[in-house]
Every structure is written in C-alpha cells, then in structure tokens.
Amino acid sequence: MSVGPGANRWDRRIERAQELAARYPFAAEGLRFYESIASFQKPLYTALAAERTRPPDSVRQALELEKVLPSFASFLSLIAGAAPPPLAQSAAALSAQGTMRWAEVLEAFWRADTALPACETLISWTFLQPYAEALADLSAQPEPQGTPSLCPFCSGRPQVGVLRQLGDGAKRSLVCSLCAREWDFRRIVCPACGEESVDKLPVYVAEELGHLRLEACDTCRHFITTIDLTKDGRAVPVVDELAAIPLSLWAAENRYTKWSPNLLGL
C-alpha cells in the first residue's frame, strides 16, 4: 500500500512528539503517551483513506461502525496499559463490557446527542479522530460562511489556534479537534463566545515556550492555545499544544477553562 500525504502527516506528528519530549522534560510523559496513540491512529487512518469511497454529505451523518469497531478492542488495551489511571481504568471497564456497549458509546459520541462520562468521551474522540480526518481528506473543502467558531466540515470545536506570517503581521486560523481541518478565523475575537474587546482578551506566554500563546477571554472564562509558526516554523500545532503545561497551570490559577481539552485532559 502506498503511503500518501495524509500518512506522512502522522509521521510528522510522531517525530515532533519525540523531539518535544526530549526538549521539555516536564511534558515528556504526556508526549510519549501521545506518540503511542498516534502510532495506533496512523494505520487506522491509512486504511480508511485508502478506500477512497465517497464520504457522506455530512461527516456526522453516519458512522460506519463496521470499518472501525474491529480495531476498538486493541485500542482499549493500549489505553488501559499506557494512559493515566482514571483513563486507563475507564478503558479496562469498557473493554469488559463487550461489543454492544462499544457500539453504543461510539455512536453516542459521533451523534453528539447523548452525554457520556468524560473518560468515555475522551476514549471515543481519540479513537474516532483518524476516521473523521480520513473523511475530511476525502471530501471537498466547504466554503465557510464568514469565520465560524466551529469546524465548517464537522462542527467540531477547535483544538488549537495557529498564527502564520501575513505581510507585516500574522493571520490566525483554527484547527478542528475532530477532523483536523483548518479554517481562517479573526485575530482578535474569542472563538468560544465571540468577545471582541481587546481589553477582555488577555494573552499569556511562558518564557520556556515562546512559540505558544494562551489566548483567554474574561467574558466566558475560556481559553485556547495558539501556536505561533512565525516563531517556530517546525511546530506541529496538534502536537506542540500538548507541551503547553505551564500555560495550563497559569490558566487554572486564573480560573480559565480550555474550550476543547486535548487527549491529556488539558
């Protein structure tokens, strides 16, 4: 099977996790956990993307469980053996409940119409993320209406922001937590609530992570981490934000909550 650009994207994520784990000891454990997850996700994504079947009109329209469910048992074993205790315990408990329960949990997460326990939500999201990314890569890029706060393809919340060079300044975009699509977003506005007053949108940068910015909102008390590619062009946004532990500690001390937590719960 040939390895396309999508699979190479996973290689870059894994390599970046290794690089950052060596650079930032305080984030090494979480980055190594991500490396194990990404190493599992890559062949799942590759197999799904290689099918090149016509995706549904909406990514949330239908979950083709027959394509992913056979891999869920081994994924639960991975989580049970490598994740922090609460997540590992949840994976072990879910593993014991069998395929009917697995199907219910995955369907509930995909439809987003049933509240799941936090750990089951995290497990489902992490497992189905490469499925959503494969669908997105096989689909035409929709034209966003304006600059939406949610992903124009799958309605997922943004996982991380990105700053890229534009003239004498930088333009901002958001990366979807589910399908990993990226779309343009206004520079000075809170994606969670739409606040536009610069006085209510504080930014925090930790000295040891100069290319990462915590962009907070004093109106809704949410924040998003943004990766400044003008300061580190090698950064991989979905990986680098996992190293933002000093930013997350500052946010907790100042009573800000991340709008869309990552796989580390940060």
Protein backbone atom coordinates (compact mmCIF):
# COMPACT_ATOMS: atom_id res chain seq x y z
CA MET A 1 0.00 0.00 0.00
CA SER A 2 1.38 3.39 -0.94
CA VAL A 3 1.80 5.99 1.77
CA GLY A 4 0.10 9.25 0.85
CA PRO A 5 0.49 12.75 2.21
CA GLY A 6 -2.02 12.06 4.97
CA ALA A 7 0.07 9.20 6.36
CA ASN A 8 3.19 11.37 6.15
CA ARG A 9 1.32 13.91 8.28
CA TRP A 10 1.09 11.29 11.05
CA ASP A 11 4.82 10.63 10.75
CA ARG A 12 5.49 14.33 11.30
CA ARG A 13 3.28 14.29 14.38
CA ILE A 14 5.09 11.29 15.85
CA GLU A 15 8.53 12.76 15.10
CA ARG A 16 7.53 16.10 16.63
CA ALA A 17 6.28 14.38 19.79
CA GLN A 18 9.66 12.67 20.15
CA GLU A 19 11.50 15.93 19.57
CA LEU A 20 9.44 17.86 22.12
CA ALA A 21 9.65 15.08 24.72
CA ALA A 22 13.45 15.38 24.58
CA ARG A 23 13.30 19.18 24.75
CA TYR A 24 10.71 19.60 27.53
CA PRO A 25 11.09 17.02 30.34
CA PHE A 26 8.02 18.42 32.14
CA ALA A 27 5.85 17.36 29.17
CA ALA A 28 7.69 14.16 28.22
CA GLU A 29 5.24 11.70 29.79
CA GLY A 30 2.22 13.16 28.03
CA LEU A 31 4.06 13.41 24.71
CA ARG A 32 5.16 9.78 24.91
CA PHE A 33 1.55 8.82 25.57
CA TYR A 34 0.51 10.82 22.52
CA GLU A 35 3.22 9.09 20.48
CA SER A 36 1.73 5.69 21.32
CA ILE A 37 -1.76 6.93 20.43
CA ALA A 38 -0.62 8.47 17.13
CA SER A 39 1.26 5.28 16.23
CA PHE A 40 -2.04 3.39 16.63
CA GLN A 41 -4.05 6.02 14.77
CA LYS A 42 -1.78 6.18 11.72
CA PRO A 43 -2.53 2.71 10.21
CA LEU A 44 -6.23 3.15 11.01
CA TYR A 45 -6.24 6.45 9.12
CA THR A 46 -4.19 4.97 6.26
CA ALA A 47 -6.58 2.05 5.78
CA LEU A 48 -9.64 4.30 5.83
CA ALA A 49 -8.16 6.91 3.49
CA ALA A 50 -7.04 4.22 1.02
CA GLU A 51 -10.64 3.10 0.45
CA ARG A 52 -11.42 6.39 -1.30
CA THR A 53 -15.16 5.75 -1.08
CA ARG A 54 -17.50 8.70 -1.40
CA PRO A 55 -17.98 10.14 2.09
CA PRO A 56 -21.43 11.17 3.34
CA ASP A 57 -22.63 14.72 2.73
CA SER A 58 -22.13 15.38 6.44
CA VAL A 59 -19.35 13.82 8.46
CA ARG A 60 -21.84 13.31 11.32
CA GLN A 61 -24.44 11.73 9.03
CA ALA A 62 -23.47 8.12 9.61
CA LEU A 63 -20.76 6.27 11.50
CA GLU A 64 -19.67 3.18 9.57
CA LEU A 65 -19.01 1.07 12.63
CA GLU A 66 -18.02 -1.97 10.60
CA LYS A 67 -14.91 -0.09 9.47
CA VAL A 68 -13.66 0.85 12.92
CA LEU A 69 -15.18 -1.46 15.54
CA PRO A 70 -12.78 -4.38 14.84
CA SER A 71 -9.90 -2.16 15.98
CA PHE A 72 -11.54 -0.94 19.18
CA ALA A 73 -10.54 -3.86 21.43
CA SER A 74 -6.83 -3.34 20.74
CA PHE A 75 -7.24 0.41 21.21
CA LEU A 76 -8.84 -0.13 24.63
CA SER A 77 -5.93 -2.42 25.56
CA LEU A 78 -3.49 0.32 24.56
CA ILE A 79 -5.29 2.92 26.66
CA ALA A 80 -5.60 0.56 29.63
CA GLY A 81 -1.86 -0.06 29.55
CA ALA A 82 -0.49 3.39 28.75
CA ALA A 83 -2.93 6.07 29.93
CA PRO A 84 -3.04 7.88 33.29
CA PRO A 85 -5.00 5.93 35.95
CA PRO A 86 -8.54 7.36 35.55
CA LEU A 87 -8.49 6.94 31.77
CA ALA A 88 -6.82 3.53 31.98
CA GLN A 89 -9.45 2.31 34.46
CA SER A 90 -12.26 3.54 32.23
CA ALA A 91 -10.75 1.75 29.22
CA ALA A 92 -10.41 -1.50 31.18
CA ALA A 93 -14.02 -1.27 32.38
CA LEU A 94 -15.28 -0.53 28.87
CA SER A 95 -13.22 -3.39 27.46
CA ALA A 96 -15.03 -5.83 29.75
CA GLN A 97 -18.48 -4.67 28.56
CA GLY A 98 -18.20 -6.06 25.04
CA THR A 99 -19.00 -5.01 21.50
CA MET A 100 -22.64 -3.99 22.00
CA ARG A 101 -21.65 -1.42 24.59
CA TRP A 102 -18.70 -0.29 22.48
CA ALA A 103 -21.03 0.38 19.57
CA GLU A 104 -23.41 2.35 21.81
CA VAL A 105 -20.61 4.53 23.18
CA LEU A 106 -19.05 5.27 19.79
CA GLU A 107 -22.42 6.04 18.20
CA ALA A 108 -23.37 8.32 21.09
CA PHE A 109 -20.14 10.26 20.76
CA TRP A 110 -20.46 10.52 16.97
CA ARG A 111 -24.05 11.76 17.05
CA ALA A 112 -23.24 14.13 19.93
CA ASP A 113 -26.78 13.69 21.21
CA THR A 114 -26.08 11.72 24.42
CA ALA A 115 -23.92 12.77 27.35
CA LEU A 116 -21.13 10.30 28.06
CA PRO A 117 -18.80 10.14 31.08
CA ALA A 118 -15.73 12.31 30.50
CA CYS A 119 -13.33 9.36 30.10
CA GLU A 120 -15.59 7.58 27.62
CA THR A 121 -15.87 10.80 25.64
CA LEU A 122 -12.08 11.12 25.56
CA ILE A 123 -11.62 7.48 24.53
CA SER A 124 -14.23 7.77 21.76
CA TRP A 125 -12.81 11.03 20.45
CA THR A 126 -9.24 9.74 20.37
CA PHE A 127 -10.29 6.53 18.62
CA LEU A 128 -12.57 8.14 16.03
CA GLN A 129 -10.37 11.16 15.27
CA PRO A 130 -8.45 9.41 12.44
CA TYR A 131 -11.77 8.21 10.98
CA ALA A 132 -13.04 11.80 10.89
CA GLU A 133 -9.73 13.03 9.48
CA ALA A 134 -9.87 10.44 6.69
CA LEU A 135 -13.42 11.54 5.81
CA ALA A 136 -12.31 15.17 5.76
CA ASP A 137 -9.36 14.39 3.50
CA LEU A 138 -11.64 12.56 1.05
CA SER A 139 -14.18 15.39 0.97
CA ALA A 140 -14.28 18.73 -0.79
CA GLN A 141 -13.34 21.70 1.36
CA PRO A 142 -16.59 23.56 2.19
CA GLU A 143 -16.71 27.31 1.82
CA PRO A 144 -17.15 28.72 5.35
CA GLN A 145 -19.81 31.33 5.87
CA GLY A 146 -17.84 34.16 7.47
CA THR A 147 -15.35 32.99 10.10
CA PRO A 148 -17.20 30.33 12.13
CA SER A 149 -16.17 29.28 15.63
CA LEU A 150 -16.93 25.61 14.87
CA CYS A 151 -15.42 23.49 12.12
CA PRO A 152 -17.24 24.15 8.82
CA PHE A 153 -16.90 20.45 7.91
CA CYS A 154 -17.89 18.50 11.03
CA SER A 155 -18.97 21.18 13.56
CA GLY A 156 -16.21 20.15 15.94
CA ARG A 157 -14.71 22.63 18.38
CA PRO A 158 -11.24 23.98 17.63
CA GLN A 159 -8.41 22.15 19.36
CA VAL A 160 -5.73 24.75 18.80
CA GLY A 161 -5.12 28.06 17.05
CA VAL A 162 -2.37 28.83 14.54
CA LEU A 163 -0.61 32.07 13.63
CA ARG A 164 1.09 32.34 10.22
CA GLN A 165 3.01 35.17 8.60
CA LEU A 166 0.86 37.60 6.61
CA GLY A 167 2.58 40.75 5.37
CA ASP A 168 3.98 42.60 8.38
CA GLY A 169 1.75 40.69 10.81
CA ALA A 170 0.21 37.26 11.23
CA LYS A 171 -3.10 35.67 10.29
CA ARG A 172 -4.98 33.36 12.62
CA SER A 173 -6.67 30.05 11.92
CA LEU A 174 -8.24 27.29 13.99
CA VAL A 175 -7.69 23.52 13.80
CA CYS A 176 -10.63 21.18 14.41
CA SER A 177 -10.35 18.79 17.35
CA LEU A 178 -12.16 16.01 15.46
CA CYS A 179 -11.33 16.07 11.75
CA ALA A 180 -8.16 18.26 11.97
CA ARG A 181 -9.35 20.64 9.24
CA GLU A 182 -8.09 24.20 9.49
CA TRP A 183 -10.03 27.36 8.73
CA ASP A 184 -9.41 31.09 8.91
CA PHE A 185 -10.57 32.96 11.98
CA ARG A 186 -10.44 36.58 13.07
CA ARG A 187 -7.34 37.55 15.04
CA ILE A 188 -8.91 39.47 17.95
CA VAL A 189 -12.03 37.56 18.97
CA CYS A 190 -12.87 34.75 21.40
CA PRO A 191 -13.96 31.65 19.46
CA ALA A 192 -15.98 30.41 22.44
CA CYS A 193 -18.25 33.41 22.95
CA GLY A 194 -17.41 35.98 20.27
CA GLU A 195 -16.00 38.64 22.61
CA GLU A 196 -14.14 41.27 20.55
CA SER A 197 -12.90 43.76 23.16
CA VAL A 198 -9.12 43.55 23.29
CA ASP A 199 -9.23 44.58 26.97
CA LYS A 200 -11.12 41.36 27.76
CA LEU A 201 -8.86 39.05 25.75
CA PRO A 202 -5.62 38.60 27.73
CA VAL A 203 -2.69 36.68 26.25
CA TYR A 204 -0.14 34.75 28.32
CA VAL A 205 3.20 33.39 27.08
CA ALA A 206 5.56 31.24 29.16
CA GLU A 207 9.26 32.01 28.74
CA GLU A 208 10.20 28.38 28.06
CA LEU A 209 7.50 28.02 25.37
CA GLY A 210 7.89 31.22 23.40
CA HIS A 211 6.02 29.98 20.31
CA LEU A 212 2.92 29.03 22.34
CA ARG A 213 0.30 31.58 23.40
CA LEU A 214 -2.60 31.14 25.77
CA GLU A 215 -5.43 33.32 24.44
CA ALA A 216 -8.04 33.77 27.16
CA CYS A 217 -11.39 35.53 27.49
CA ASP A 218 -12.53 37.38 30.61
CA THR A 219 -16.15 37.26 29.45
CA CYS A 220 -16.68 33.49 29.18
CA ARG A 221 -13.50 32.44 31.09
CA HIS A 222 -12.43 30.05 28.32
CA PHE A 223 -9.07 29.89 26.57
CA ILE A 224 -7.44 28.36 23.54
CA THR A 225 -3.76 27.62 22.97
CA THR A 226 -2.31 29.11 19.80
CA ILE A 227 0.91 28.04 18.08
CA ASP A 228 2.89 30.91 16.55
CA LEU A 229 4.55 29.50 13.45
CA THR A 230 6.32 32.80 12.88
CA LYS A 231 8.46 31.90 15.92
CA ASP A 232 8.89 28.18 15.25
CA GLY A 233 8.16 27.05 11.71
CA ARG A 234 8.80 23.40 12.62
CA ALA A 235 5.91 23.29 15.07
CA VAL A 236 3.06 20.82 14.53
CA PRO A 237 0.11 22.56 16.21
CA VAL A 238 -1.85 19.50 17.41
CA VAL A 239 1.37 18.13 18.98
CA ASP A 240 3.01 21.30 20.29
CA GLU A 241 -0.07 22.27 22.28
CA LEU A 242 0.37 19.08 24.32
CA ALA A 243 3.54 20.65 25.73
CA ALA A 244 1.65 23.71 27.00
CA ILE A 245 1.60 22.54 30.62
CA PRO A 246 2.95 25.85 32.04
CA LEU A 247 0.17 27.67 30.18
CA SER A 248 -2.46 25.28 31.52
CA LEU A 249 -1.20 25.79 35.09
CA TRP A 250 -1.44 29.56 34.65
CA ALA A 251 -4.96 29.16 33.28
CA ALA A 252 -6.06 27.03 36.24
CA GLU A 253 -4.61 29.54 38.71
CA ASN A 254 -6.53 32.31 36.99
CA ARG A 255 -9.77 30.31 36.67
CA TYR A 256 -9.82 29.91 32.89
CA THR A 257 -11.07 26.66 31.30
CA LYS A 258 -9.93 25.30 27.95
CA TRP A 259 -12.79 25.32 25.48
CA SER A 260 -11.78 21.95 23.99
CA PRO A 261 -9.47 19.82 26.17
CA ASN A 262 -6.79 17.70 24.49
CA LEU A 263 -6.18 14.00 24.97
CA LEU A 264 -4.26 14.75 28.18
CA GLY A 265 -7.34 16.46 29.60
CA LEU A 266 -5.55 19.84 29.43
